[in-house]
């Protein structure tokens, strides 16, 4: 089964993305912030990571830097943000602007994981 990690500090967003991924038959783990997301990423193997950018203490920019420097640097990462134009210099595979249609999320996830 394909495994995804969703990182966000808003429970409603975590639950919404988890619901979409479950419909796509993913095994989904969630983290309520960047620090706990990095810990989970380091202890398990994931096929996809979706992370919010604006989070307190450890933000999504720190998450993507950590992932790209890790042994699993090839893991596809989707960044979600209300200010996606600020993310062009970062190494996300895709960036979704909040609010985004669930269909867009589904299509993006499918596109990034179709070869798995």
Protein backbone atom coordinates (compact mmCIF):
# COMPACT_ATOMS: atom_id res chain seq x y z
CA UNK A 1 0.00 0.00 0.00
CA UNK A 2 1.20 3.51 -0.82
CA UNK A 3 2.10 5.53 2.28
CA UNK A 4 1.63 9.27 2.75
CA UNK A 5 2.56 11.73 5.47
CA UNK A 6 0.45 14.87 5.88
CA UNK A 7 1.87 17.74 7.96
CA UNK A 8 -0.26 20.71 9.01
CA UNK A 9 -0.98 22.61 12.20
CA UNK A 10 -4.72 22.81 11.45
CA UNK A 11 -6.70 19.68 12.33
CA UNK A 12 -9.43 20.44 9.80
CA UNK A 13 -6.90 20.53 6.95
CA UNK A 14 -5.22 17.33 8.18
CA UNK A 15 -8.58 15.56 8.32
CA UNK A 16 -9.64 16.78 4.86
CA UNK A 17 -6.41 15.71 3.16
CA UNK A 18 -6.41 12.40 5.04
CA UNK A 19 -9.96 11.72 3.81
CA UNK A 20 -8.92 12.35 0.18
CA UNK A 21 -5.86 10.12 0.48
CA UNK A 22 -7.85 7.32 2.10
CA UNK A 23 -10.22 7.42 -0.89
CA UNK A 24 -7.16 6.95 -3.08
CA UNK A 25 -6.21 3.88 -0.99
CA UNK A 26 -3.24 5.40 0.80
CA UNK A 27 -2.01 4.44 4.24
CA UNK A 28 -2.02 7.91 5.84
CA UNK A 29 -0.03 9.23 8.80
CA UNK A 30 -0.53 12.77 10.05
CA UNK A 31 1.61 15.20 12.02
CA UNK A 32 0.34 18.37 13.67
CA UNK A 33 3.43 20.45 12.92
CA UNK A 34 6.80 20.49 11.23
CA UNK A 35 8.82 19.06 14.12
CA UNK A 36 6.58 16.01 14.57
CA UNK A 37 6.38 15.62 10.78
CA UNK A 38 10.17 15.46 10.50
CA UNK A 39 10.31 12.88 13.31
CA UNK A 40 7.74 10.69 11.54
CA UNK A 41 9.50 11.11 8.20
CA UNK A 42 12.77 9.95 9.78
CA UNK A 43 11.24 6.84 11.38
CA UNK A 44 9.11 5.53 8.50
CA UNK A 45 9.31 5.30 4.72
CA UNK A 46 6.76 7.39 2.85
CA UNK A 47 5.85 7.48 -0.84
CA UNK A 48 4.48 11.03 -0.59
CA UNK A 49 4.60 13.99 1.80
CA UNK A 50 2.11 16.86 1.85
CA UNK A 51 3.10 19.76 4.06
CA UNK A 52 1.71 23.15 4.93
CA UNK A 53 4.22 25.96 4.64
CA UNK A 54 3.12 28.42 7.33
CA UNK A 55 3.37 26.61 10.66
CA UNK A 56 4.79 27.87 13.96
CA UNK A 57 8.30 26.89 15.11
CA UNK A 58 9.21 24.41 12.32
CA UNK A 59 7.62 25.49 9.04
CA UNK A 60 7.22 23.73 5.70
CA UNK A 61 10.41 25.29 4.34
CA UNK A 62 12.37 23.52 7.09
CA UNK A 63 10.48 20.30 6.33
CA UNK A 64 11.39 20.37 2.62
CA UNK A 65 15.04 21.21 3.38
CA UNK A 66 15.20 18.27 5.80
CA UNK A 67 13.61 15.86 3.32
CA UNK A 68 15.88 16.90 0.43
CA UNK A 69 18.97 16.35 2.63
CA UNK A 70 17.79 12.95 3.87
CA UNK A 71 18.41 9.42 2.60
CA UNK A 72 14.88 9.57 1.15
CA UNK A 73 15.43 12.84 -0.71
CA UNK A 74 13.58 11.47 -3.76
CA UNK A 75 10.25 11.39 -1.89
CA UNK A 76 7.67 13.54 -3.74
CA UNK A 77 6.59 16.54 -1.65
CA UNK A 78 3.55 18.74 -2.19
CA UNK A 79 3.63 22.13 -0.48
CA UNK A 80 0.35 23.83 0.37
CA UNK A 81 0.24 27.55 1.00
CA UNK A 82 -1.86 30.66 0.82
CA UNK A 83 1.18 32.38 -0.71
CA UNK A 84 2.50 29.88 -3.29
CA UNK A 85 4.46 32.53 -5.21
CA UNK A 86 6.91 32.64 -2.28
CA UNK A 87 7.85 28.98 -2.83
CA UNK A 88 9.29 28.99 -6.34
CA UNK A 89 12.89 28.75 -5.11
CA UNK A 90 12.16 25.74 -2.91
CA UNK A 91 12.41 22.14 -4.03
CA UNK A 92 8.75 21.06 -3.89
CA UNK A 93 7.51 18.68 -6.58
CA UNK A 94 4.21 20.57 -6.64
CA UNK A 95 2.71 23.55 -4.82
CA UNK A 96 -1.02 23.96 -4.27
CA UNK A 97 -2.50 27.34 -3.44
CA UNK A 98 -4.98 27.37 -0.55
CA UNK A 99 -7.85 27.00 -0.90
CA UNK A 100 -7.55 24.27 -3.52
CA UNK A 101 -10.28 22.05 -5.00
CA UNK A 102 -10.17 18.46 -3.72
CA UNK A 103 -10.11 17.28 -7.34
CA UNK A 104 -6.87 19.24 -7.87
CA UNK A 105 -5.37 17.55 -4.81
CA UNK A 106 -6.46 14.13 -6.07
CA UNK A 107 -5.07 14.76 -9.56
CA UNK A 108 -1.75 16.03 -8.18
CA UNK A 109 -1.35 13.09 -5.82
CA UNK A 110 -2.21 10.63 -8.59
CA UNK A 111 0.26 12.27 -10.96
CA UNK A 112 3.13 12.17 -8.45
CA UNK A 113 2.53 8.59 -7.33
CA UNK A 114 1.31 6.89 -10.49
CA UNK A 115 4.65 5.14 -11.08
CA UNK A 116 4.67 3.54 -7.61
